Amino acid sequence: MHLIYNLPGLVQLAIFAVAALALMFVQHKITRIFLDKFFSGYKSDLALNIHTSVSTTLALIVAFSLVQAVTTFKQADQVVRQESVRINNLDRLLVRYGGSEDVSVIRASLRTYANSIIKDEWDAMQSGNESETTNKLFKPVSKGIIQLKPSNARENSIYSEMVKLADALADYRAERLEAAKLEIPMIFWALIYLLMFAKNTLSAFFERSKTADIVMALQMICFSSLIFLTYYFDEPFKGESGIKPTLIVDVLDKISKRTD
């Protein structure tokens, strides 16, 4: 699954479609062998009616899961955007505060922290973890700001804003790390697979013809596409589709070029 996650989206979609079609035809073959052996009239109106109900239920559950996955993905992306904005704003305020040695040290620490998010923590988030290195590198930023001693009303105003931004950065980092652990509960995937199995079994009761096979294959491609999209957006920081640290990279470039 790790290898599939890192393949291009269209390749992943093709894999899902081929796997779903292969599963359906193999399951049809096995089910029909059983029906031919034990039942002379295998076609059942009841089975076909239940197949319609199962297909509808499956579509609803997959659609619900997809909405949840996309919502989580967008929320995680927004958290990263807000975090990158706060990093940039904090550096801008440090520049406005003054060019003292203490401020220069804090700015250097902020750049190191942002660089660690990109190089250390993003890889750790692939498995839902945080980076201890990144965690340690934030402390000099937060502690350095607290230890500043404003000497006039202007510096005092900027100091208050910097303290708020430092707190906000800690909060957004916590939200980002929490988002890295979010995924669709396994019970939903288990239910989807169970309904897919039931649907394939019941569809074996359809009349055996090329037309029926084509129609069922198209339906299976549609279902597999929806399931793929759900899988694609699940776990927002993971794989080829995952959120990348591009925004933080851009901010790091900006603050590296910003002069005191």
C-alpha atoms as a PDB file:
ATOM      1  CA  MET A   1       0.000   0.000   0.000  1.00  0.00           C
ATOM      2  CA  HIS A   2       2.943   2.344   0.662  1.00  0.00           C
ATOM      3  CA  LEU A   3       4.138   1.870  -2.922  1.00  0.00           C
ATOM      4  CA  ILE A   4       0.636   2.471  -4.314  1.00  0.00           C
ATOM      5  CA  TYR A   5       0.294   5.653  -2.221  1.00  0.00           C
ATOM      6  CA  ASN A   6       3.311   7.167  -3.944  1.00  0.00           C
ATOM      7  CA  LEU A   7       2.270   6.356  -7.515  1.00  0.00           C
ATOM      8  CA  PRO A   8       0.656   9.030  -9.752  1.00  0.00           C
ATOM      9  CA  GLY A   9      -3.087   9.440  -9.199  1.00  0.00           C
ATOM     10  CA  LEU A  10      -4.129   8.070 -12.613  1.00  0.00           C
ATOM     11  CA  VAL A  11      -2.003   4.964 -12.079  1.00  0.00           C
ATOM     12  CA  GLN A  12      -3.610   4.422  -8.685  1.00  0.00           C
ATOM     13  CA  LEU A  13      -7.068   4.809 -10.256  1.00  0.00           C
ATOM     14  CA  ALA A  14      -6.223   2.229 -12.939  1.00  0.00           C
ATOM     15  CA  ILE A  15      -4.990  -0.217 -10.289  1.00  0.00           C
ATOM     16  CA  PHE A  16      -8.216   0.164  -8.307  1.00  0.00           C
ATOM     17  CA  ALA A  17     -10.376  -0.331 -11.416  1.00  0.00           C
ATOM     18  CA  VAL A  18      -8.477  -3.413 -12.632  1.00  0.00           C
ATOM     19  CA  ALA A  19      -8.440  -4.966  -9.148  1.00  0.00           C
ATOM     20  CA  ALA A  20     -12.188  -4.357  -8.714  1.00  0.00           C
ATOM     21  CA  LEU A  21     -13.013  -5.865 -12.125  1.00  0.00           C
ATOM     22  CA  ALA A  22     -10.794  -8.894 -11.511  1.00  0.00           C
ATOM     23  CA  LEU A  23     -12.400  -9.440  -8.130  1.00  0.00           C
ATOM     24  CA  MET A  24     -15.891  -9.188  -9.599  1.00  0.00           C
ATOM     25  CA  PHE A  25     -15.288 -11.673 -12.428  1.00  0.00           C
ATOM     26  CA  VAL A  26     -13.498 -14.165 -10.164  1.00  0.00           C
ATOM     27  CA  GLN A  27     -16.294 -13.927  -7.604  1.00  0.00           C
ATOM     28  CA  HIS A  28     -18.915 -14.338 -10.355  1.00  0.00           C
ATOM     29  CA  LYS A  29     -17.099 -17.444 -11.613  1.00  0.00           C
ATOM     30  CA  ILE A  30     -16.952 -19.062  -8.175  1.00  0.00           C
ATOM     31  CA  THR A  31     -20.537 -18.123  -7.284  1.00  0.00           C
ATOM     32  CA  ARG A  32     -21.948 -19.426 -10.584  1.00  0.00           C
ATOM     33  CA  ILE A  33     -20.108 -22.734 -10.232  1.00  0.00           C
ATOM     34  CA  PHE A  34     -21.803 -23.102  -6.866  1.00  0.00           C
ATOM     35  CA  LEU A  35     -25.207 -22.086  -8.284  1.00  0.00           C
ATOM     36  CA  ASP A  36     -24.943 -24.508 -11.213  1.00  0.00           C
ATOM     37  CA  LYS A  37     -24.075 -27.346  -8.891  1.00  0.00           C
ATOM     38  CA  PHE A  38     -26.758 -26.867  -6.269  1.00  0.00           C
ATOM     39  CA  PHE A  39     -29.514 -24.814  -7.943  1.00  0.00           C
ATOM     40  CA  SER A  40     -31.069 -25.544 -11.303  1.00  0.00           C
ATOM     41  CA  GLY A  41     -32.776 -22.160 -11.678  1.00  0.00           C
ATOM     42  CA  TYR A  42     -30.137 -19.807 -10.379  1.00  0.00           C
ATOM     43  CA  LYS A  43     -31.849 -16.583 -11.453  1.00  0.00           C
ATOM     44  CA  SER A  44     -33.720 -15.028  -8.531  1.00  0.00           C
ATOM     45  CA  ASP A  45     -35.805 -11.856  -8.592  1.00  0.00           C
ATOM     46  CA  LEU A  46     -35.307 -11.526  -4.844  1.00  0.00           C
ATOM     47  CA  ALA A  47     -31.509 -11.598  -5.261  1.00  0.00           C
ATOM     48  CA  LEU A  48     -31.678  -8.967  -7.997  1.00  0.00           C
ATOM     49  CA  ASN A  49     -33.873  -6.695  -5.859  1.00  0.00           C
ATOM     50  CA  ILE A  50     -31.526  -7.072  -2.904  1.00  0.00           C
ATOM     51  CA  HIS A  51     -28.604  -6.308  -5.229  1.00  0.00           C
ATOM     52  CA  THR A  52     -30.191  -2.939  -6.020  1.00  0.00           C
ATOM     53  CA  SER A  53     -30.596  -2.161  -2.308  1.00  0.00           C
ATOM     54  CA  VAL A  54     -27.033  -3.217  -1.504  1.00  0.00           C
ATOM     55  CA  SER A  55     -25.653  -1.126  -4.388  1.00  0.00           C
ATOM     56  CA  THR A  56     -27.555   1.931  -3.154  1.00  0.00           C
ATOM     57  CA  THR A  57     -26.327   1.429   0.415  1.00  0.00           C
ATOM     58  CA  LEU A  58     -22.766   0.964  -0.801  1.00  0.00           C
ATOM     59  CA  ALA A  59     -22.941   4.170  -2.861  1.00  0.00           C
ATOM     60  CA  LEU A  60     -24.249   6.141   0.124  1.00  0.00           C
ATOM     61  CA  ILE A  61     -21.553   4.875   2.497  1.00  0.00           C
ATOM     62  CA  VAL A  62     -18.749   5.495   0.009  1.00  0.00           C
ATOM     63  CA  ALA A  63     -20.107   8.979  -0.749  1.00  0.00           C
ATOM     64  CA  PHE A  64     -20.303   9.784   2.976  1.00  0.00           C
ATOM     65  CA  SER A  65     -16.743   8.533   3.517  1.00  0.00           C
ATOM     66  CA  LEU A  66     -15.524  10.575   0.539  1.00  0.00           C
ATOM     67  CA  VAL A  67     -17.108  13.761   1.909  1.00  0.00           C
ATOM     68  CA  GLN A  68     -15.468  13.131   5.281  1.00  0.00           C
ATOM     69  CA  ALA A  69     -12.064  12.519   3.680  1.00  0.00           C
ATOM     70  CA  VAL A  70     -12.231  15.642   1.492  1.00  0.00           C
ATOM     71  CA  THR A  71     -13.400  17.773   4.449  1.00  0.00           C
ATOM     72  CA  THR A  72     -10.502  16.562   6.589  1.00  0.00           C
ATOM     73  CA  PHE A  73      -8.072  17.177   3.731  1.00  0.00           C
ATOM     74  CA  LYS A  74      -9.276  20.772   3.286  1.00  0.00           C
ATOM     75  CA  GLN A  75      -9.129  21.450   7.024  1.00  0.00           C
ATOM     76  CA  ALA A  76      -5.567  20.125   7.226  1.00  0.00           C
ATOM     77  CA  ASP A  77      -4.548  22.230   4.225  1.00  0.00           C
ATOM     78  CA  GLN A  78      -6.047  25.320   5.898  1.00  0.00           C
ATOM     79  CA  VAL A  79      -4.083  24.615   9.085  1.00  0.00           C
ATOM     80  CA  VAL A  80      -0.827  24.495   7.096  1.00  0.00           C
ATOM     81  CA  ARG A  81      -1.737  27.765   5.380  1.00  0.00           C
ATOM     82  CA  GLN A  82      -2.454  29.480   8.691  1.00  0.00           C
ATOM     83  CA  GLU A  83       0.760  28.139  10.207  1.00  0.00           C
ATOM     84  CA  SER A  84       2.857  29.423   7.294  1.00  0.00           C
ATOM     85  CA  VAL A  85       1.197  32.854   7.546  1.00  0.00           C
ATOM     86  CA  ARG A  86       1.987  33.027  11.289  1.00  0.00           C
ATOM     87  CA  ILE A  87       5.632  32.122  10.692  1.00  0.00           C
ATOM     88  CA  ASN A  88       5.927  34.911   8.138  1.00  0.00           C
ATOM     89  CA  ASN A  89       4.093  37.432  10.333  1.00  0.00           C
ATOM     90  CA  LEU A  90       6.240  36.609  13.350  1.00  0.00           C
ATOM     91  CA  ASP A  91       9.439  37.173  11.398  1.00  0.00           C
ATOM     92  CA  ARG A  92       8.084  40.456  10.029  1.00  0.00           C
ATOM     93  CA  LEU A  93       7.312  41.665  13.554  1.00  0.00           C
ATOM     94  CA  LEU A  94      10.772  40.650  14.755  1.00  0.00           C
ATOM     95  CA  VAL A  95      12.256  42.817  11.995  1.00  0.00           C
ATOM     96  CA  ARG A  96      10.052  45.742  13.036  1.00  0.00           C
ATOM     97  CA  TYR A  97      10.905  45.251  16.697  1.00  0.00           C
ATOM     98  CA  GLY A  98      14.529  46.112  16.137  1.00  0.00           C
ATOM     99  CA  GLY A  99      17.885  44.803  14.989  1.00  0.00           C
ATOM    100  CA  SER A 100      19.304  43.812  18.391  1.00  0.00           C
ATOM    101  CA  GLU A 101      21.407  40.673  18.791  1.00  0.00           C
ATOM    102  CA  ASP A 102      18.610  38.939  20.722  1.00  0.00           C
ATOM    103  CA  VAL A 103      16.160  39.521  17.870  1.00  0.00           C
ATOM    104  CA  SER A 104      18.677  38.214  15.327  1.00  0.00           C
ATOM    105  CA  VAL A 105      19.079  35.037  17.382  1.00  0.00           C
ATOM    106  CA  ILE A 106      15.294  34.552  17.532  1.00  0.00           C
ATOM    107  CA  ARG A 107      14.964  35.083  13.782  1.00  0.00           C
ATOM    108  CA  ALA A 108      17.692  32.513  13.147  1.00  0.00           C
ATOM    109  CA  SER A 109      15.914  30.093  15.491  1.00  0.00           C
ATOM    110  CA  LEU A 110      12.623  30.677  13.648  1.00  0.00           C
ATOM    111  CA  ARG A 111      14.274  29.868  10.304  1.00  0.00           C
ATOM    112  CA  THR A 112      15.816  26.719  11.775  1.00  0.00           C
ATOM    113  CA  TYR A 113      12.436  25.704  13.188  1.00  0.00           C
ATOM    114  CA  ALA A 114      10.660  26.246   9.848  1.00  0.00           C
ATOM    115  CA  ASN A 115      13.376  24.291   8.044  1.00  0.00           C
ATOM    116  CA  SER A 116      12.966  21.419  10.514  1.00  0.00           C
ATOM    117  CA  ILE A 117       9.205  21.302   9.830  1.00  0.00           C
ATOM    118  CA  ILE A 118      10.022  20.742   6.156  1.00  0.00           C
ATOM    119  CA  LYS A 119      12.909  18.296   6.514  1.00  0.00           C
ATOM    120  CA  ASP A 120      12.172  16.424   9.735  1.00  0.00           C
ATOM    121  CA  GLU A 121       8.533  16.681  10.741  1.00  0.00           C
ATOM    122  CA  TRP A 122       6.895  16.243   7.332  1.00  0.00           C
ATOM    123  CA  ASP A 123       8.453  12.803   6.953  1.00  0.00           C
ATOM    124  CA  ALA A 124       7.437  11.876  10.505  1.00  0.00           C
ATOM    125  CA  MET A 125       3.830  12.896   9.779  1.00  0.00           C
ATOM    126  CA  GLN A 126       3.684  10.257   7.013  1.00  0.00           C
ATOM    127  CA  SER A 127       3.257   7.718   9.814  1.00  0.00           C
ATOM    128  CA  GLY A 128       1.202  10.025  12.061  1.00  0.00           C
ATOM    129  CA  ASN A 129       4.118  11.013  14.314  1.00  0.00           C
ATOM    130  CA  GLU A 130       5.813  14.251  15.298  1.00  0.00           C
ATOM    131  CA  SER A 131       9.497  15.157  15.223  1.00  0.00           C
ATOM    132  CA  GLU A 132      11.237  15.600  18.557  1.00  0.00           C
ATOM    133  CA  THR A 133      13.888  17.651  16.784  1.00  0.00           C
ATOM    134  CA  THR A 134      11.262  20.102  15.530  1.00  0.00           C
ATOM    135  CA  ASN A 135       9.654  20.218  18.954  1.00  0.00           C
ATOM    136  CA  LYS A 136      12.962  21.154  20.588  1.00  0.00           C
ATOM    137  CA  LEU A 137      13.733  23.788  17.960  1.00  0.00           C
ATOM    138  CA  PHE A 138      10.505  25.686  18.710  1.00  0.00           C
ATOM    139  CA  LYS A 139      11.488  26.273  22.332  1.00  0.00           C
ATOM    140  CA  PRO A 140      14.272  28.819  21.565  1.00  0.00           C
ATOM    141  CA  VAL A 141      11.758  30.794  19.474  1.00  0.00           C
ATOM    142  CA  SER A 142       9.064  30.877  22.150  1.00  0.00           C
ATOM    143  CA  LYS A 143      11.477  31.363  25.045  1.00  0.00           C
ATOM    144  CA  GLY A 144      13.463  34.025  23.183  1.00  0.00           C
ATOM    145  CA  ILE A 145      10.354  36.116  22.534  1.00  0.00           C
ATOM    146  CA  ILE A 146       9.212  35.879  26.159  1.00  0.00           C
ATOM    147  CA  GLN A 147      12.635  37.038  27.373  1.00  0.00           C
ATOM    148  CA  LEU A 148      12.627  40.200  25.236  1.00  0.00           C
ATOM    149  CA  LYS A 149      12.387  43.417  27.264  1.00  0.00           C
ATOM    150  CA  PRO A 150      10.454  46.138  25.410  1.00  0.00           C
ATOM    151  CA  SER A 151      11.738  49.622  26.236  1.00  0.00           C
ATOM    152  CA  ASN A 152       8.992  51.837  24.798  1.00  0.00           C
ATOM    153  CA  ALA A 153       5.318  51.832  23.856  1.00  0.00           C
ATOM    154  CA  ARG A 154       6.027  50.838  20.245  1.00  0.00           C
ATOM    155  CA  GLU A 155       8.147  47.840  21.219  1.00  0.00           C
ATOM    156  CA  ASN A 156       5.626  46.884  23.891  1.00  0.00           C
ATOM    157  CA  SER A 157       2.827  46.789  21.292  1.00  0.00           C
ATOM    158  CA  ILE A 158       4.909  44.671  18.893  1.00  0.00           C
ATOM    159  CA  TYR A 159       6.005  42.424  21.771  1.00  0.00           C
ATOM    160  CA  SER A 160       2.377  41.644  22.678  1.00  0.00           C
ATOM    161  CA  GLU A 161       1.619  40.655  19.087  1.00  0.00           C
ATOM    162  CA  MET A 162       4.705  38.446  18.922  1.00  0.00           C
ATOM    163  CA  VAL A 163       3.706  36.588  22.082  1.00  0.00           C
ATOM    164  CA  LYS A 164       0.254  35.955  20.577  1.00  0.00           C
ATOM    165  CA  LEU A 165       1.794  34.718  17.319  1.00  0.00           C
ATOM    166  CA  ALA A 166       4.172  32.385  19.174  1.00  0.00           C
ATOM    167  CA  ASP A 167       1.192  30.881  21.022  1.00  0.00           C
ATOM    168  CA  ALA A 168      -0.733  30.603  17.755  1.00  0.00           C
ATOM    169  CA  LEU A 169       2.211  28.814  16.115  1.00  0.00           C
ATOM    170  CA  ALA A 170       2.229  26.233  18.897  1.00  0.00           C
ATOM    171  CA  ASP A 171      -1.526  25.737  18.488  1.00  0.00           C
ATOM    172  CA  TYR A 172      -1.358  25.366  14.694  1.00  0.00           C
ATOM    173  CA  ARG A 173       1.498  22.902  14.968  1.00  0.00           C
ATOM    174  CA  ALA A 174      -0.575  20.831  17.406  1.00  0.00           C
ATOM    175  CA  GLU A 175      -3.538  20.955  14.985  1.00  0.00           C
ATOM    176  CA  ARG A 176      -1.315  19.919  12.067  1.00  0.00           C
ATOM    177  CA  LEU A 177       0.070  16.967  14.007  1.00  0.00           C
ATOM    178  CA  GLU A 178      -3.436  15.948  15.030  1.00  0.00           C
ATOM    179  CA  ALA A 179      -4.621  16.172  11.414  1.00  0.00           C
ATOM    180  CA  ALA A 180      -1.781  13.852  10.390  1.00  0.00           C
ATOM    181  CA  LYS A 181      -3.373  11.129  12.536  1.00  0.00           C
ATOM    182  CA  LEU A 182      -6.867  11.530  11.089  1.00  0.00           C
ATOM    183  CA  GLU A 183      -8.203   8.817   8.819  1.00  0.00           C
ATOM    184  CA  ILE A 184     -11.484   7.141   7.985  1.00  0.00           C
ATOM    185  CA  PRO A 185     -12.264   4.598  10.734  1.00  0.00           C
ATOM    186  CA  MET A 186     -11.457   1.003   9.792  1.00  0.00           C
ATOM    187  CA  ILE A 187     -15.081   0.001  10.438  1.00  0.00           C
ATOM    188  CA  PHE A 188     -16.118   2.058   7.392  1.00  0.00           C
ATOM    189  CA  TRP A 189     -13.586   0.306   5.161  1.00  0.00           C
ATOM    190  CA  ALA A 190     -14.676  -3.075   6.535  1.00  0.00           C
ATOM    191  CA  LEU A 191     -18.313  -2.243   5.780  1.00  0.00           C
ATOM    192  CA  ILE A 192     -17.436  -1.061   2.255  1.00  0.00           C
ATOM    193  CA  TYR A 193     -15.544  -4.295   1.519  1.00  0.00           C
ATOM    194  CA  LEU A 194     -18.378  -6.392   2.970  1.00  0.00           C
ATOM    195  CA  LEU A 195     -20.972  -4.623   0.837  1.00  0.00           C
ATOM    196  CA  MET A 196     -18.747  -4.985  -2.241  1.00  0.00           C
ATOM    197  CA  PHE A 197     -18.524  -8.723  -1.571  1.00  0.00           C
ATOM    198  CA  ALA A 198     -22.307  -8.977  -1.133  1.00  0.00           C
ATOM    199  CA  LYS A 199     -22.936  -6.920  -4.281  1.00  0.00           C
ATOM    200  CA  ASN A 200     -20.627  -9.102  -6.393  1.00  0.00           C
ATOM    201  CA  THR A 201     -22.239 -12.265  -5.068  1.00  0.00           C
ATOM    202  CA  LEU A 202     -25.759 -11.029  -5.775  1.00  0.00           C
ATOM    203  CA  SER A 203     -24.840  -9.729  -9.243  1.00  0.00           C
ATOM    204  CA  ALA A 204     -23.878 -13.289 -10.189  1.00  0.00           C
ATOM    205  CA  PHE A 205     -27.628 -13.999 -10.329  1.00  0.00           C
ATOM    206  CA  PHE A 206     -27.989 -11.722 -13.365  1.00  0.00           C
ATOM    207  CA  GLU A 207     -28.513 -13.289 -16.757  1.00  0.00           C
ATOM    208  CA  ARG A 208     -25.212 -14.461 -18.225  1.00  0.00           C
ATOM    209  CA  SER A 209     -24.499 -12.443 -21.347  1.00  0.00           C
ATOM    210  CA  LYS A 210     -21.879 -10.089 -22.763  1.00  0.00           C
ATOM    211  CA  THR A 211     -24.256  -7.161 -22.336  1.00  0.00           C
ATOM    212  CA  ALA A 212     -24.792  -7.977 -18.652  1.00  0.00           C
ATOM    213  CA  ASP A 213     -21.042  -8.384 -18.124  1.00  0.00           C
ATOM    214  CA  ILE A 214     -20.312  -4.997 -19.720  1.00  0.00           C
ATOM    215  CA  VAL A 215     -23.003  -3.250 -17.668  1.00  0.00           C
ATOM    216  CA  MET A 216     -21.759  -4.829 -14.422  1.00  0.00           C
ATOM    217  CA  ALA A 217     -18.158  -3.986 -15.325  1.00  0.00           C
ATOM    218  CA  LEU A 218     -19.062  -0.317 -15.899  1.00  0.00           C
ATOM    219  CA  GLN A 219     -20.913  -0.201 -12.599  1.00  0.00           C
ATOM    220  CA  MET A 220     -17.910  -1.718 -10.839  1.00  0.00           C
ATOM    221  CA  ILE A 221     -15.587   0.854 -12.428  1.00  0.00           C
ATOM    222  CA  CYS A 222     -17.846   3.626 -11.083  1.00  0.00           C
ATOM    223  CA  PHE A 223     -17.809   2.153  -7.576  1.00  0.00           C
ATOM    224  CA  SER A 224     -14.053   1.557  -7.647  1.00  0.00           C
ATOM    225  CA  SER A 225     -13.515   5.180  -8.768  1.00  0.00           C
ATOM    226  CA  LEU A 226     -15.473   6.504  -5.791  1.00  0.00           C
ATOM    227  CA  ILE A 227     -13.616   4.183  -3.429  1.00  0.00           C
ATOM    228  CA  PHE A 228     -10.322   5.312  -4.957  1.00  0.00           C
ATOM    229  CA  LEU A 229     -11.169   8.991  -4.394  1.00  0.00           C
ATOM    230  CA  THR A 230     -11.987   8.227  -0.766  1.00  0.00           C
ATOM    231  CA  TYR A 231      -8.688   6.400  -0.393  1.00  0.00           C
ATOM    232  CA  TYR A 232      -6.870   9.186  -2.281  1.00  0.00           C
ATOM    233  CA  PHE A 233      -7.960  11.968   0.093  1.00  0.00           C
ATOM    234  CA  ASP A 234      -7.813   9.879   3.269  1.00  0.00           C
ATOM    235  CA  GLU A 235      -4.821  10.620   5.553  1.00  0.00           C
ATOM    236  CA  PRO A 236      -4.139  14.171   4.286  1.00  0.00           C
ATOM    237  CA  PHE A 237      -0.341  14.205   4.615  1.00  0.00           C
ATOM    238  CA  LYS A 238       0.355  10.773   3.207  1.00  0.00           C
ATOM    239  CA  GLY A 239       1.485   9.692  -0.257  1.00  0.00           C
ATOM    240  CA  GLU A 240       1.522  11.360  -3.664  1.00  0.00           C
ATOM    241  CA  SER A 241      -1.802  13.095  -3.001  1.00  0.00           C
ATOM    242  CA  GLY A 242      -0.787  14.317   0.458  1.00  0.00           C
ATOM    243  CA  ILE A 243      -0.353  17.951   1.425  1.00  0.00           C
ATOM    244  CA  LYS A 244       3.191  19.119   0.747  1.00  0.00           C
ATOM    245  CA  PRO A 245       5.151  21.739   2.765  1.00  0.00           C
ATOM    246  CA  THR A 246       5.275  24.047  -0.269  1.00  0.00           C
ATOM    247  CA  LEU A 247       3.760  27.020   1.580  1.00  0.00           C
ATOM    248  CA  ILE A 248       6.257  26.759   4.412  1.00  0.00           C
ATOM    249  CA  VAL A 249       9.097  26.414   1.890  1.00  0.00           C
ATOM    250  CA  ASP A 250       7.927  29.661   0.257  1.00  0.00           C
ATOM    251  CA  VAL A 251       7.719  31.427   3.621  1.00  0.00           C
ATOM    252  CA  LEU A 252      11.180  30.195   4.592  1.00  0.00           C
ATOM    253  CA  ASP A 253      12.513  31.646   1.366  1.00  0.00           C
ATOM    254  CA  LYS A 254      10.848  35.001   2.113  1.00  0.00           C
ATOM    255  CA  ILE A 255      12.125  35.309   5.664  1.00  0.00           C
ATOM    256  CA  SER A 256      15.614  34.217   4.583  1.00  0.00           C
ATOM    257  CA  LYS A 257      15.709  37.146   2.158  1.00  0.00           C
ATOM    258  CA  ARG A 258      14.170  39.645   4.573  1.00  0.00           C
ATOM    259  CA  THR A 259      16.789  42.021   6.009  1.00  0.00           C
ATOM    260  CA  ASP A 260      16.799  43.576   9.462  1.00  0.00           C
END
